[in-house]
C-alpha atoms as a PDB file:
ATOM      1  CA  MET A   1    -128.489 194.764  87.298  1.00  0.00           C
ATOM      2  CA  LEU A   2    -125.815 194.225  84.641  1.00  0.00           C
ATOM      3  CA  VAL A   3    -126.425 191.344  82.227  1.00  0.00           C
ATOM      4  CA  GLY A   4    -123.606 189.652  80.346  1.00  0.00           C
ATOM      5  CA  LEU A   5    -121.045 186.881  80.219  1.00  0.00           C
ATOM      6  CA  PRO A   6    -118.986 186.077  83.350  1.00  0.00           C
ATOM      7  CA  HIS A   7    -115.876 187.922  82.130  1.00  0.00           C
ATOM      8  CA  GLN A   8    -117.974 190.938  81.183  1.00  0.00           C
ATOM      9  CA  ILE A   9    -119.609 191.044  84.603  1.00  0.00           C
ATOM     10  CA  SER A  10    -116.252 190.745  86.360  1.00  0.00           C
ATOM     11  CA  THR A  11    -114.715 193.631  84.395  1.00  0.00           C
ATOM     12  CA  ALA A  12    -117.661 195.830  85.365  1.00  0.00           C
ATOM     13  CA  ALA A  13    -117.548 194.917  89.044  1.00  0.00           C
ATOM     14  CA  ASP A  14    -116.887 198.520  90.068  1.00  0.00           C
ATOM     15  CA  PHE A  15    -119.631 199.982  87.888  1.00  0.00           C
ATOM     16  CA  ASN A  16    -121.809 202.544  89.695  1.00  0.00           C
ATOM     17  CA  LEU A  17    -124.327 205.212  88.744  1.00  0.00           C
ATOM     18  CA  GLU A  18    -124.863 208.523  90.467  1.00  0.00           C
ATOM     19  CA  ILE A  19    -128.374 209.952  90.249  1.00  0.00           C
ATOM     20  CA  ASP A  20    -129.307 213.148  92.047  1.00  0.00           C
ATOM     21  CA  GLY A  21    -126.351 212.799  94.369  1.00  0.00           C
ATOM     22  CA  HIS A  22    -127.126 209.186  95.253  1.00  0.00           C
ATOM     23  CA  GLU A  23    -124.777 206.380  94.263  1.00  0.00           C
ATOM     24  CA  ILE A  24    -126.530 203.341  92.831  1.00  0.00           C
ATOM     25  CA  SER A  25    -124.745 199.997  92.570  1.00  0.00           C
ATOM     26  CA  PRO A  26    -125.961 197.110  90.376  1.00  0.00           C
ATOM     27  CA  THR A  27    -127.632 194.221  92.135  1.00  0.00           C
ATOM     28  CA  SER A  28    -127.048 190.525  91.518  1.00  0.00           C
ATOM     29  CA  LEU A  29    -130.716 189.551  91.513  1.00  0.00           C
ATOM     30  CA  VAL A  30    -133.861 191.202  90.147  1.00  0.00           C
ATOM     31  CA  THR A  31    -137.438 189.915  90.420  1.00  0.00           C
ATOM     32  CA  ASN A  32    -139.897 190.798  87.667  1.00  0.00           C
ATOM     33  CA  LEU A  33    -143.394 189.313  87.408  1.00  0.00           C
ATOM     34  CA  GLY A  34    -142.362 186.641  89.881  1.00  0.00           C
ATOM     35  CA  VAL A  35    -139.287 185.539  87.916  1.00  0.00           C
ATOM     36  CA  ARG A  36    -135.839 185.964  89.438  1.00  0.00           C
ATOM     37  CA  PHE A  37    -133.263 187.229  86.947  1.00  0.00           C
ATOM     38  CA  ASP A  38    -129.519 186.886  87.528  1.00  0.00           C
ATOM     39  CA  PRO A  39    -126.713 188.644  85.603  1.00  0.00           C
ATOM     40  CA  MET A  40    -125.975 185.642  83.371  1.00  0.00           C
ATOM     41  CA  LEU A  41    -129.650 184.726  82.866  1.00  0.00           C
ATOM     42  CA  SER A  42    -129.017 181.208  84.113  1.00  0.00           C
ATOM     43  CA  PHE A  43    -132.198 181.325  86.231  1.00  0.00           C
ATOM     44  CA  GLU A  44    -130.560 179.020  88.753  1.00  0.00           C
ATOM     45  CA  ASP A  45    -131.789 181.032  91.732  1.00  0.00           C
ATOM     46  CA  HIS A  46    -135.318 181.210  90.324  1.00  0.00           C
ATOM     47  CA  ILE A  47    -135.499 177.479  89.596  1.00  0.00           C
ATOM     48  CA  LYS A  48    -134.043 176.676  93.010  1.00  0.00           C
ATOM     49  CA  ASN A  49    -136.895 178.665  94.555  1.00  0.00           C
ATOM     50  CA  VAL A  50    -139.501 176.993  92.303  1.00  0.00           C
ATOM     51  CA  CYS A  51    -138.237 173.557  93.375  1.00  0.00           C
ATOM     52  CA  LYS A  52    -138.272 174.524  97.048  1.00  0.00           C
ATOM     53  CA  VAL A  53    -141.868 175.791  96.945  1.00  0.00           C
ATOM     54  CA  SER A  54    -143.022 172.880  94.755  1.00  0.00           C
ATOM     55  CA  PHE A  55    -141.657 170.225  97.100  1.00  0.00           C
ATOM     56  CA  PHE A  56    -143.303 171.981 100.040  1.00  0.00           C
ATOM     57  CA  HIS A  57    -146.683 171.616  98.334  1.00  0.00           C
ATOM     58  CA  LEU A  58    -145.905 168.079  97.150  1.00  0.00           C
ATOM     59  CA  ARG A  59    -145.246 166.941 100.702  1.00  0.00           C
ATOM     60  CA  ASN A  60    -148.599 168.372 101.772  1.00  0.00           C
ATOM     61  CA  ILE A  61    -150.390 166.686  98.854  1.00  0.00           C
ATOM     62  CA  ALA A  62    -148.688 163.384  99.708  1.00  0.00           C
ATOM     63  CA  ARG A  63    -149.910 163.627 103.321  1.00  0.00           C
ATOM     64  CA  LEU A  64    -153.465 164.070 102.046  1.00  0.00           C
ATOM     65  CA  GLY A  65    -153.106 161.300  99.483  1.00  0.00           C
ATOM     66  CA  SER A  66    -155.225 158.713 101.288  1.00  0.00           C
ATOM     67  CA  SER A  67    -158.134 161.120 101.731  1.00  0.00           C
ATOM     68  CA  LEU A  68    -158.077 162.573  98.208  1.00  0.00           C
ATOM     69  CA  SER A  69    -159.712 161.159  95.123  1.00  0.00           C
ATOM     70  CA  THR A  70    -157.609 160.873  91.978  1.00  0.00           C
ATOM     71  CA  THR A  71    -159.466 163.809  90.441  1.00  0.00           C
ATOM     72  CA  ASP A  72    -158.881 166.040  93.459  1.00  0.00           C
ATOM     73  CA  ALA A  73    -155.227 165.043  93.679  1.00  0.00           C
ATOM     74  CA  GLU A  74    -154.792 165.876  90.000  1.00  0.00           C
ATOM     75  CA  LYS A  75    -156.404 169.287  90.496  1.00  0.00           C
ATOM     76  CA  LEU A  76    -154.097 170.068  93.406  1.00  0.00           C
ATOM     77  CA  THR A  77    -151.056 168.903  91.448  1.00  0.00           C
ATOM     78  CA  HIS A  78    -151.926 171.117  88.486  1.00  0.00           C
ATOM     79  CA  ALA A  79    -152.724 174.085  90.732  1.00  0.00           C
ATOM     80  CA  PHE A  80    -149.582 173.980  92.859  1.00  0.00           C
ATOM     81  CA  ILE A  81    -146.995 172.171  90.700  1.00  0.00           C
ATOM     82  CA  SER A  82    -147.742 172.221  86.956  1.00  0.00           C
ATOM     83  CA  SER A  83    -148.633 175.907  87.040  1.00  0.00           C
ATOM     84  CA  ARG A  84    -145.228 176.721  88.556  1.00  0.00           C
ATOM     85  CA  LEU A  85    -143.317 174.539  86.109  1.00  0.00           C
ATOM     86  CA  GLY A  86    -145.076 176.189  83.185  1.00  0.00           C
ATOM     87  CA  TYR A  87    -144.967 179.810  84.367  1.00  0.00           C
ATOM     88  CA  CYS A  88    -142.768 181.891  82.024  1.00  0.00           C
ATOM     89  CA  ASN A  89    -140.942 178.693  81.088  1.00  0.00           C
ATOM     90  CA  ALA A  90    -140.041 179.988  77.612  1.00  0.00           C
ATOM     91  CA  LEU A  91    -137.329 181.962  79.403  1.00  0.00           C
ATOM     92  CA  PHE A  92    -135.613 178.679  80.281  1.00  0.00           C
ATOM     93  CA  ALA A  93    -135.024 177.693  76.653  1.00  0.00           C
ATOM     94  CA  GLY A  94    -131.398 176.786  76.111  1.00  0.00           C
ATOM     95  CA  ILE A  95    -130.290 176.947  79.738  1.00  0.00           C
ATOM     96  CA  SER A  96    -128.106 174.280  81.328  1.00  0.00           C
ATOM     97  CA  SER A  97    -129.561 170.764  81.250  1.00  0.00           C
ATOM     98  CA  LYS A  98    -128.379 170.406  84.840  1.00  0.00           C
ATOM     99  CA  VAL A  99    -130.763 173.196  85.854  1.00  0.00           C
ATOM    100  CA  ILE A 100    -133.609 171.809  83.729  1.00  0.00           C
ATOM    101  CA  ASN A 101    -133.154 168.429  85.414  1.00  0.00           C
ATOM    102  CA  ARG A 102    -134.073 170.010  88.752  1.00  0.00           C
ATOM    103  CA  LEU A 103    -137.462 170.971  87.348  1.00  0.00           C
ATOM    104  CA  GLN A 104    -137.776 167.522  85.785  1.00  0.00           C
ATOM    105  CA  TYR A 105    -137.206 165.972  89.201  1.00  0.00           C
ATOM    106  CA  VAL A 106    -140.117 168.030  90.542  1.00  0.00           C
ATOM    107  CA  GLN A 107    -142.352 166.849  87.700  1.00  0.00           C
ATOM    108  CA  ASN A 108    -141.266 163.238  88.195  1.00  0.00           C
ATOM    109  CA  SER A 109    -142.047 163.475  91.907  1.00  0.00           C
ATOM    110  CA  ALA A 110    -145.445 165.023  91.207  1.00  0.00           C
ATOM    111  CA  ALA A 111    -146.327 162.273  88.723  1.00  0.00           C
ATOM    112  CA  GLY A 112    -145.160 159.609  91.159  1.00  0.00           C
ATOM    113  CA  ILE A 113    -147.306 160.971  93.989  1.00  0.00           C
ATOM    114  CA  LEU A 114    -150.320 161.420  91.725  1.00  0.00           C
ATOM    115  CA  THR A 115    -150.168 157.863  90.370  1.00  0.00           C
ATOM    116  CA  LYS A 116    -148.807 156.318  93.591  1.00  0.00           C
ATOM    117  CA  THR A 117    -145.820 155.000  91.669  1.00  0.00           C
ATOM    118  CA  LYS A 118    -143.101 153.261  93.663  1.00  0.00           C
ATOM    119  CA  LYS A 119    -139.677 154.877  93.764  1.00  0.00           C
ATOM    120  CA  HIS A 120    -137.891 152.038  91.989  1.00  0.00           C
ATOM    121  CA  GLU A 121    -140.255 152.132  88.971  1.00  0.00           C
ATOM    122  CA  HIS A 122    -139.283 154.003  85.804  1.00  0.00           C
ATOM    123  CA  ILE A 123    -140.997 157.408  85.762  1.00  0.00           C
ATOM    124  CA  SER A 124    -141.043 158.139  82.006  1.00  0.00           C
ATOM    125  CA  PRO A 125    -143.941 155.757  81.212  1.00  0.00           C
ATOM    126  CA  VAL A 126    -145.808 157.361  84.113  1.00  0.00           C
ATOM    127  CA  LEU A 127    -145.355 160.838  82.607  1.00  0.00           C
ATOM    128  CA  ALA A 128    -146.680 159.550  79.308  1.00  0.00           C
ATOM    129  CA  SER A 129    -149.654 157.840  80.975  1.00  0.00           C
ATOM    130  CA  VAL A 130    -150.784 161.140  82.515  1.00  0.00           C
ATOM    131  CA  HIS A 131    -150.036 162.936  79.204  1.00  0.00           C
ATOM    132  CA  TRP A 132    -147.325 165.190  80.635  1.00  0.00           C
ATOM    133  CA  LEU A 133    -144.573 166.299  78.316  1.00  0.00           C
ATOM    134  CA  PRO A 134    -141.121 166.309  79.934  1.00  0.00           C
ATOM    135  CA  VAL A 135    -140.034 169.753  81.137  1.00  0.00           C
ATOM    136  CA  LYS A 136    -137.636 170.329  78.243  1.00  0.00           C
ATOM    137  CA  TYR A 137    -140.393 169.769  75.705  1.00  0.00           C
ATOM    138  CA  ARG A 138    -142.867 171.880  77.671  1.00  0.00           C
ATOM    139  CA  ILE A 139    -140.387 174.700  77.162  1.00  0.00           C
ATOM    140  CA  ASP A 140    -140.058 173.956  73.448  1.00  0.00           C
ATOM    141  CA  PHE A 141    -143.849 173.787  73.193  1.00  0.00           C
ATOM    142  CA  LYS A 142    -144.163 177.279  74.679  1.00  0.00           C
ATOM    143  CA  VAL A 143    -141.542 178.699  72.295  1.00  0.00           C
ATOM    144  CA  LEU A 144    -143.270 177.076  69.300  1.00  0.00           C
ATOM    145  CA  LEU A 145    -146.640 178.423  70.389  1.00  0.00           C
ATOM    146  CA  LEU A 146    -145.189 181.934  70.654  1.00  0.00           C
ATOM    147  CA  THR A 147    -143.665 181.445  67.212  1.00  0.00           C
ATOM    148  CA  TYR A 148    -146.970 180.413  65.654  1.00  0.00           C
ATOM    149  CA  LYS A 149    -148.806 183.335  67.234  1.00  0.00           C
ATOM    150  CA  SER A 150    -146.108 185.763  66.143  1.00  0.00           C
ATOM    151  CA  LEU A 151    -146.219 184.547  62.531  1.00  0.00           C
ATOM    152  CA  HIS A 152    -150.007 184.942  62.474  1.00  0.00           C
ATOM    153  CA  SER A 153    -150.103 188.399  64.076  1.00  0.00           C
ATOM    154  CA  GLN A 154    -151.473 187.035  67.338  1.00  0.00           C
ATOM    155  CA  GLY A 155    -148.361 187.662  69.383  1.00  0.00           C
ATOM    156  CA  PRO A 156    -146.205 190.642  70.358  1.00  0.00           C
ATOM    157  CA  ALA A 157    -144.968 192.691  67.413  1.00  0.00           C
ATOM    158  CA  CYS A 158    -141.474 192.734  68.929  1.00  0.00           C
ATOM    159  CA  LEU A 159    -141.274 188.940  68.537  1.00  0.00           C
ATOM    160  CA  ARG A 160    -142.702 189.005  65.028  1.00  0.00           C
ATOM    161  CA  ASP A 161    -139.994 191.448  63.966  1.00  0.00           C
ATOM    162  CA  LEU A 162    -137.359 188.898  65.027  1.00  0.00           C
ATOM    163  CA  LEU A 163    -138.627 186.257  62.587  1.00  0.00           C
ATOM    164  CA  GLN A 164    -137.840 186.179  58.875  1.00  0.00           C
ATOM    165  CA  TYR A 165    -139.168 183.766  56.259  1.00  0.00           C
ATOM    166  CA  HIS A 166    -136.559 181.738  54.417  1.00  0.00           C
ATOM    167  CA  ILE A 167    -136.656 182.216  50.642  1.00  0.00           C
ATOM    168  CA  ALA A 168    -135.232 179.172  48.881  1.00  0.00           C
ATOM    169  CA  LYS A 169    -133.183 179.743  45.714  1.00  0.00           C
ATOM    170  CA  GLN A 170    -134.810 176.721  44.123  1.00  0.00           C
ATOM    171  CA  LYS A 171    -138.121 175.003  44.733  1.00  0.00           C
ATOM    172  CA  LEU A 172    -137.789 172.115  47.150  1.00  0.00           C
ATOM    173  CA  ARG A 173    -140.012 169.128  47.849  1.00  0.00           C
ATOM    174  CA  SER A 174    -140.878 170.817  51.139  1.00  0.00           C
ATOM    175  CA  GLY A 175    -141.844 174.004  49.320  1.00  0.00           C
ATOM    176  CA  ASN A 176    -145.319 174.057  50.877  1.00  0.00           C
ATOM    177  CA  SER A 177    -143.909 174.184  54.398  1.00  0.00           C
ATOM    178  CA  VAL A 178    -143.353 177.458  56.222  1.00  0.00           C
ATOM    179  CA  VAL A 179    -139.589 177.736  56.720  1.00  0.00           C
ATOM    180  CA  LEU A 180    -137.893 180.442  58.779  1.00  0.00           C
ATOM    181  CA  SER A 181    -134.429 181.867  58.326  1.00  0.00           C
ATOM    182  CA  VAL A 182    -131.946 180.978  61.070  1.00  0.00           C
ATOM    183  CA  PRO A 183    -129.498 183.833  61.747  1.00  0.00           C
ATOM    184  CA  ARG A 184    -125.876 183.193  62.591  1.00  0.00           C
ATOM    185  CA  THR A 185    -124.902 183.625  66.215  1.00  0.00           C
ATOM    186  CA  ARG A 186    -121.505 184.249  67.767  1.00  0.00           C
ATOM    187  CA  LEU A 187    -121.903 182.244  70.963  1.00  0.00           C
ATOM    188  CA  HIS A 188    -123.774 178.943  71.320  1.00  0.00           C
ATOM    189  CA  THR A 189    -124.250 179.501  75.039  1.00  0.00           C
ATOM    190  CA  VAL A 190    -125.957 182.867  74.578  1.00  0.00           C
ATOM    191  CA  GLY A 191    -126.743 183.576  70.939  1.00  0.00           C
ATOM    192  CA  ASP A 192    -128.483 180.261  70.320  1.00  0.00           C
ATOM    193  CA  ARG A 193    -130.809 180.975  73.259  1.00  0.00           C
ATOM    194  CA  ALA A 194    -132.117 184.143  71.619  1.00  0.00           C
ATOM    195  CA  PHE A 195    -135.672 183.913  70.279  1.00  0.00           C
ATOM    196  CA  CYS A 196    -134.536 185.002  66.799  1.00  0.00           C
ATOM    197  CA  SER A 197    -132.295 181.911  66.619  1.00  0.00           C
ATOM    198  CA  LEU A 198    -133.999 179.288  68.785  1.00  0.00           C
ATOM    199  CA  ALA A 199    -137.536 179.787  67.433  1.00  0.00           C
ATOM    200  CA  PRO A 200    -136.603 179.206  63.759  1.00  0.00           C
ATOM    201  CA  CYS A 201    -134.544 176.116  64.673  1.00  0.00           C
ATOM    202  CA  LEU A 202    -137.468 174.534  66.528  1.00  0.00           C
ATOM    203  CA  TRP A 203    -140.008 175.654  63.930  1.00  0.00           C
ATOM    204  CA  ASN A 204    -138.072 174.275  60.949  1.00  0.00           C
ATOM    205  CA  ALA A 205    -137.893 170.880  62.666  1.00  0.00           C
ATOM    206  CA  LEU A 206    -141.698 170.578  62.643  1.00  0.00           C
ATOM    207  CA  PRO A 207    -143.472 168.560  59.936  1.00  0.00           C
ATOM    208  CA  GLY A 208    -145.429 170.513  57.344  1.00  0.00           C
ATOM    209  CA  TYR A 209    -148.877 169.627  58.650  1.00  0.00           C
ATOM    210  CA  LEU A 210    -148.024 171.405  61.901  1.00  0.00           C
ATOM    211  CA  THR A 211    -146.541 174.573  60.413  1.00  0.00           C
ATOM    212  CA  ASN A 212    -149.515 174.896  58.045  1.00  0.00           C
ATOM    213  CA  CYS A 213    -152.257 174.683  60.691  1.00  0.00           C
ATOM    214  CA  ASP A 214    -155.155 177.077  60.076  1.00  0.00           C
ATOM    215  CA  SER A 215    -155.702 178.191  63.668  1.00  0.00           C
ATOM    216  CA  VAL A 216    -153.843 178.389  66.948  1.00  0.00           C
ATOM    217  CA  ASP A 217    -156.250 175.907  68.573  1.00  0.00           C
ATOM    218  CA  VAL A 218    -155.574 173.327  65.855  1.00  0.00           C
ATOM    219  CA  PHE A 219    -151.845 173.958  66.145  1.00  0.00           C
ATOM    220  CA  LYS A 220    -151.859 173.478  69.930  1.00  0.00           C
ATOM    221  CA  SER A 221    -153.966 170.344  69.694  1.00  0.00           C
ATOM    222  CA  ASN A 222    -151.820 168.764  66.978  1.00  0.00           C
ATOM    223  CA  LEU A 223    -148.612 169.749  68.726  1.00  0.00           C
ATOM    224  CA  LYS A 224    -149.749 168.177  72.002  1.00  0.00           C
ATOM    225  CA  THR A 225    -150.921 164.935  70.452  1.00  0.00           C
ATOM    226  CA  SER A 226    -148.140 164.462  67.918  1.00  0.00           C
ATOM    227  CA  PHE A 227    -144.622 163.420  68.854  1.00  0.00           C
ATOM    228  CA  ASP A 228    -143.291 163.579  65.294  1.00  0.00           C
ATOM    229  CA  TRP A 229    -141.208 166.621  66.174  1.00  0.00           C
ATOM    230  CA  LEU A 230    -139.475 164.993  69.143  1.00  0.00           C
ATOM    231  CA  PRO A 231    -136.031 163.372  68.859  1.00  0.00           C
ATOM    232  CA  VAL A 232    -136.167 159.692  67.901  1.00  0.00           C
ATOM    233  CA  ASN A 233    -135.185 158.308  71.329  1.00  0.00           C
ATOM    234  CA  ASP A 234    -137.917 160.250  73.116  1.00  0.00           C
ATOM    235  CA  LEU A 235    -140.426 159.454  70.390  1.00  0.00           C
ATOM    236  CA  LEU A 236    -139.895 155.692  70.546  1.00  0.00           C
ATOM    237  CA  PHE A 237    -140.028 155.661  74.333  1.00  0.00           C
ATOM    238  CA  LEU A 238    -143.166 157.764  74.720  1.00  0.00           C
ATOM    239  CA  LEU A 239    -145.180 156.129  71.978  1.00  0.00           C
ATOM    240  CA  PHE A 240    -145.116 152.636  73.440  1.00  0.00           C
ATOM    241  CA  VAL A 241    -147.584 153.611  76.172  1.00  0.00           C
ATOM    242  CA  TYR A 242    -150.128 155.108  73.731  1.00  0.00           C
END
């Protein structure tokens, strides 16, 4: 499979390899560890499949709703829905919001079935009541967790090599915070999605008490329970139910 921008893929449409007398043509879809990769890394086909399978299981859970306790329904929802939404979701960082919204619709539906919420009711307070971060922030959470582990030698060395500490020319009031250097990128649609660019941007937006956590367990706990790093609109909306 060839990976690149649309115009790059189109110019290489006739690209072929010949190995041991056999002609090999690039494919438009590759599956690795259960994730479907497309040439532009949009993950549209993969997310379409995730939504299809998730709604199949949601319909079955909804049929059993009257005979399931809340605890059992929650276990089924986590097993069949949440696990799929969270699987390899760091790959979805920076992709089209239109595609992310499809996953959000799955999560909204799952929360509605679990809490027996009526269709006309607003779903965001329901997500907060069951302590589910919206899909976009679940993705950011995963990237930040990988960043923390990489900085503390608990993650892959290849990711750690992509991160550089920012050295300030003069001492700032935030001098005790761990700040990462954000490299320049050529394309916002592609370059800003790279871990070396996205991870520092998300990390530098965190308050100091999060970046200075002593252990990964403390970091995860504080990150889950604190909304200080979320944009103001999401913060104000989610906090009113806590």
